Structures are given as C-alpha cells and as structure tokens.
Amino acid sequence: MNIAVFASGRGSNFSAILRAKKSGRISADISLLVCDNPKAPVIGKAKRAGVEVFLVKREGFSSGKDFEEAIILRLQQAKIDLIVLAGYMRLLSPEFTQKFKYKILNIHPALLPSFKGTQGIEDAFNYGVKLCGVTVHFVDEEMDHGPIILQVAVKIEEADSLESLESKVHKLEHKVYPQAIRLFTEGRLRVQGRKVRIL
C-alpha cells in the first residue's frame, strides 16, 4: 500500500508517521510528499528520509481545477492508495474529495464537531472548556467534517497555558495519527453513515 502525505509546514506529523513506519507500526510505504510551499521545512525532512517530494504551487496554474488535476495525475502515477493530510493548509475541492472518497485522512486538534477551523487548540483554550483533544476523520466535502475514526481527549488543567496545551495536543497527535493510518492499511475501517466501525 502506498501513502501520500500532504503538508505545508514544519512536518511534525509527517515525522511521526515516518517513525511509525520505521518501527513497524505502519507497514505501508510512505511514497510521496505533496507540498504547496517551497519554504516548508517538511521538504527537507522528506528528502532526508528518501521520500519523493512533489512540490506544486497554486500560483503556477490558471485555476484551482488545473492545480488539483496536476496533483491527481501525480497520485495516479505513484499508485497512491491513501492520502494523509498533515498540516496541509489548503482546502480540497468537493470533486477531489469525491474522487478519493474514504481514502483521505485528516487530523484535527480538537474534539470535532467542536472548534472547527485552523485555530482549534486556541479556540478551545479561550472558550474555557475542560477537555480538548484530537480527532482523526475521513475527509468529505465539508471542512473538518467527515466520518470520525478516532477521538482522544486531553484534560485542560488550571495551570495550562496555551503553549503547554498545544504541546500536549501535538504529542497526542503524533501518537493517534499513526494508529488511525495503521487501521486503514490493515483494512479494519468500515464507514457506516457518519460513523466508522473498527474491526
């Protein structure tokens, strides 16, 4: 099974996935990194790990459709079975998500459906909830929506700052995301409506 990771930034989840692959917790191949940011540190991490990098900038295409079609072609050439979004800061079109239905995973730093969007941890912290966490879900046409695969909570302590909470959530991400990827690669996920059954 071949995996493509989409990332736009530091690549901490990408690194966690690589570690899981190296330790045998993920048996699939991390075949491709798709990145839309030429300055992203994740590119260097991929090259050092021997993962092929497909750098594709939106500015180089006349339309979003052409941009995504270039990505789709590269995914097909690499015979990609699973797409893993790991800090990819660009929304996928409904056409793209339909083409790869139930083959795109995303991790969100909050307990969905609460605190959608790019500032999940900060929004939860500012709202004053007692629990935060991470959600791994299949990607559909709506942002931070899709059937939920795994959710793990972390308690927000009185002594927590935004920075300490971010650290706790990111550590949790690095543990939970490889677990969800492994479940997919082992064929243990069954989508039933808005729910995912783990076999």
Protein backbone atom coordinates (compact mmCIF):
# COMPACT_ATOMS: atom_id res chain seq x y z
CA MET A 1 0.00 0.00 0.00
CA ASN A 2 1.29 3.44 -0.95
CA ILE A 3 0.69 6.57 1.13
CA ALA A 4 0.94 10.21 0.07
CA VAL A 5 1.31 12.80 2.80
CA PHE A 6 0.11 16.35 2.06
CA ALA A 7 1.86 19.03 4.15
CA SER A 8 2.57 22.75 4.01
CA GLY A 9 4.70 23.47 7.07
CA ARG A 10 7.03 22.01 9.70
CA GLY A 11 6.01 18.41 9.20
CA SER A 12 5.86 17.19 12.81
CA ASN A 13 3.06 14.74 11.99
CA PHE A 14 4.97 13.69 8.87
CA SER A 15 7.94 12.85 11.11
CA ALA A 16 5.68 10.90 13.47
CA ILE A 17 4.33 8.87 10.55
CA LEU A 18 7.87 8.15 9.35
CA ARG A 19 8.85 6.96 12.85
CA ALA A 20 5.82 4.68 12.93
CA LYS A 21 6.82 3.25 9.55
CA LYS A 22 10.42 2.72 10.69
CA SER A 23 9.33 0.95 13.89
CA GLY A 24 6.97 -1.36 12.01
CA ARG A 25 3.74 0.13 13.37
CA ILE A 26 2.78 1.10 9.80
CA SER A 27 3.52 -1.48 7.14
CA ALA A 28 2.64 0.67 4.10
CA ASP A 29 5.14 2.72 2.10
CA ILE A 30 5.34 6.49 2.59
CA SER A 31 5.75 7.00 -1.15
CA LEU A 32 5.15 10.70 -1.75
CA LEU A 33 5.08 14.10 -0.07
CA VAL A 34 2.81 16.64 -1.75
CA CYS A 35 3.70 20.18 -0.70
CA ASP A 36 2.42 23.57 -1.88
CA ASN A 37 5.01 25.66 -0.02
CA PRO A 38 8.61 25.73 -1.32
CA LYS A 39 9.85 27.09 2.04
CA ALA A 40 8.25 24.36 4.16
CA PRO A 41 10.71 22.55 6.48
CA VAL A 42 8.85 19.29 5.79
CA ILE A 43 10.52 19.17 2.34
CA GLY A 44 13.95 18.70 3.90
CA LYS A 45 12.61 16.02 6.23
CA ALA A 46 11.15 14.11 3.30
CA LYS A 47 14.36 14.32 1.26
CA ARG A 48 16.48 13.13 4.19
CA ALA A 49 14.10 10.17 4.61
CA GLY A 50 14.25 9.30 0.92
CA VAL A 51 10.60 10.19 0.29
CA GLU A 52 9.86 11.66 -3.12
CA VAL A 53 8.68 15.29 -3.00
CA PHE A 54 6.08 16.71 -5.36
CA LEU A 55 6.27 20.48 -4.93
CA VAL A 56 3.29 22.08 -6.62
CA LYS A 57 2.46 25.78 -6.24
CA ARG A 58 -1.06 27.04 -6.83
CA GLU A 59 0.36 30.19 -8.47
CA GLY A 60 1.68 28.09 -11.33
CA PHE A 61 -1.82 27.16 -12.54
CA SER A 62 -4.56 29.22 -14.12
CA SER A 63 -7.27 27.60 -11.99
CA GLY A 64 -7.77 25.54 -8.88
CA LYS A 65 -9.10 22.75 -11.09
CA ASP A 66 -5.85 22.61 -13.10
CA PHE A 67 -3.85 22.69 -9.86
CA GLU A 68 -5.71 19.72 -8.42
CA GLU A 69 -5.61 17.82 -11.70
CA ALA A 70 -1.81 18.02 -11.64
CA ILE A 71 -1.84 16.56 -8.13
CA ILE A 72 -4.28 13.82 -9.13
CA LEU A 73 -2.09 12.82 -12.06
CA ARG A 74 0.96 12.53 -9.80
CA LEU A 75 -1.03 10.48 -7.26
CA GLN A 76 -2.15 8.13 -10.01
CA GLN A 77 1.39 7.78 -11.34
CA ALA A 78 2.59 6.87 -7.83
CA LYS A 79 -0.32 4.40 -7.39
CA ILE A 80 -1.37 6.06 -4.14
CA ASP A 81 -3.89 4.15 -2.00
CA LEU A 82 -4.21 6.60 0.91
CA ILE A 83 -3.83 10.37 1.26
CA VAL A 84 -2.86 11.69 4.69
CA LEU A 85 -3.30 15.41 5.38
CA ALA A 86 -0.66 16.57 7.84
CA GLY A 87 -0.80 20.33 8.16
CA TYR A 88 -1.85 20.89 4.56
CA MET A 89 -3.18 24.45 4.60
CA ARG A 90 -5.36 24.27 1.51
CA LEU A 91 -8.96 23.10 1.24
CA LEU A 92 -9.59 20.26 -1.19
CA SER A 93 -12.42 20.70 -3.66
CA PRO A 94 -15.58 18.56 -3.48
CA GLU A 95 -14.51 16.98 -6.79
CA PHE A 96 -11.16 15.96 -5.33
CA THR A 97 -12.66 14.52 -2.14
CA GLN A 98 -15.27 12.59 -4.12
CA LYS A 99 -12.59 11.09 -6.36
CA PHE A 100 -10.75 9.78 -3.31
CA LYS A 101 -13.78 9.09 -1.13
CA TYR A 102 -12.84 7.37 2.14
CA LYS A 103 -9.19 7.43 1.09
CA ILE A 104 -8.24 10.79 2.63
CA LEU A 105 -7.47 11.14 6.34
CA ASN A 106 -7.15 14.36 8.33
CA ILE A 107 -6.20 15.06 11.92
CA HIS A 108 -7.76 18.00 13.74
CA PRO A 109 -6.51 19.40 17.09
CA ALA A 110 -9.91 19.47 18.79
CA LEU A 111 -12.82 17.17 19.58
CA LEU A 112 -14.96 17.60 16.49
CA PRO A 113 -17.59 18.79 15.81
CA SER A 114 -16.43 21.44 18.30
CA PHE A 115 -13.84 24.05 17.33
CA LYS A 116 -13.50 23.53 13.60
CA GLY A 117 -11.04 25.61 11.60
CA THR A 118 -7.34 26.40 11.76
CA GLN A 119 -7.20 27.53 15.42
CA GLY A 120 -8.78 24.55 17.17
CA ILE A 121 -6.48 24.48 20.20
CA GLU A 122 -6.54 28.23 20.75
CA ASP A 123 -10.33 28.36 20.32
CA ALA A 124 -10.84 25.59 22.87
CA PHE A 125 -8.43 27.22 25.32
CA ASN A 126 -10.06 30.65 25.02
CA TYR A 127 -13.55 29.20 25.34
CA GLY A 128 -12.64 27.66 28.68
CA VAL A 129 -13.62 24.03 28.10
CA LYS A 130 -12.21 21.36 30.41
CA LEU A 131 -11.33 18.89 27.65
CA CYS A 132 -9.52 19.27 24.38
CA GLY A 133 -8.02 16.57 22.19
CA VAL A 134 -7.57 15.27 18.68
CA THR A 135 -9.85 13.83 16.02
CA VAL A 136 -8.85 11.71 13.04
CA HIS A 137 -11.53 11.59 10.38
CA PHE A 138 -12.17 10.81 6.75
CA VAL A 139 -12.30 13.96 4.63
CA ASP A 140 -15.51 14.85 2.82
CA GLU A 141 -16.83 17.94 1.03
CA GLU A 142 -17.17 20.00 4.23
CA MET A 143 -14.31 21.40 6.31
CA ASP A 144 -13.44 19.34 9.41
CA HIS A 145 -16.48 17.15 8.87
CA GLY A 146 -16.34 13.55 7.55
CA PRO A 147 -16.83 10.27 9.46
CA ILE A 148 -14.76 10.15 12.66
CA ILE A 149 -12.23 7.33 13.03
CA LEU A 150 -10.55 8.10 16.36
CA GLN A 151 -11.01 10.73 19.05
CA VAL A 152 -8.79 11.06 22.11
CA ALA A 153 -9.29 13.69 24.80
CA VAL A 154 -6.77 15.52 26.94
CA LYS A 155 -7.67 17.44 30.10
CA ILE A 156 -7.05 21.17 30.20
CA GLU A 157 -5.52 21.81 33.63
CA GLU A 158 -5.81 25.04 35.57
CA ALA A 159 -2.05 25.53 35.23
CA ASP A 160 -2.07 25.07 31.46
CA SER A 161 -1.06 27.92 29.20
CA LEU A 162 -1.92 27.96 25.53
CA GLU A 163 1.66 26.85 24.80
CA SER A 164 1.57 23.91 27.22
CA LEU A 165 -1.82 22.81 25.88
CA GLU A 166 -0.52 22.99 22.30
CA SER A 167 2.43 20.81 23.32
CA LYS A 168 0.11 18.20 24.91
CA VAL A 169 -2.20 18.11 21.91
CA HIS A 170 0.63 17.82 19.39
CA LYS A 171 2.17 14.92 21.34
CA LEU A 172 -1.22 13.23 21.27
CA GLU A 173 -1.48 13.82 17.51
CA HIS A 174 1.85 12.08 16.96
CA LYS A 175 0.53 9.02 18.80
CA VAL A 176 -3.03 8.86 17.45
CA TYR A 177 -2.45 9.61 13.76
CA PRO A 178 -0.18 6.59 13.13
CA GLN A 179 -2.78 4.41 14.91
CA ALA A 180 -5.50 5.55 12.52
CA ILE A 181 -3.27 5.08 9.50
CA ARG A 182 -2.45 1.55 10.65
CA LEU A 183 -6.15 0.73 11.00
CA PHE A 184 -6.71 1.89 7.42
CA THR A 185 -3.77 -0.04 6.00
CA GLU A 186 -4.91 -3.18 7.78
CA GLY A 187 -8.39 -2.86 6.25
CA ARG A 188 -10.05 -2.51 9.65
CA LEU A 189 -12.21 0.57 8.99
CA ARG A 190 -15.82 0.34 7.82
CA VAL A 191 -17.79 3.52 7.18
CA GLN A 192 -21.43 3.33 8.22
CA GLY A 193 -23.10 6.68 7.59
CA ARG A 194 -21.40 9.28 9.78
CA LYS A 195 -19.72 6.63 11.92
CA VAL A 196 -16.70 4.40 11.38
CA ARG A 197 -16.68 0.87 12.76
CA ILE A 198 -13.28 -0.55 13.69
CA LEU A 199 -12.97 -4.28 13.02
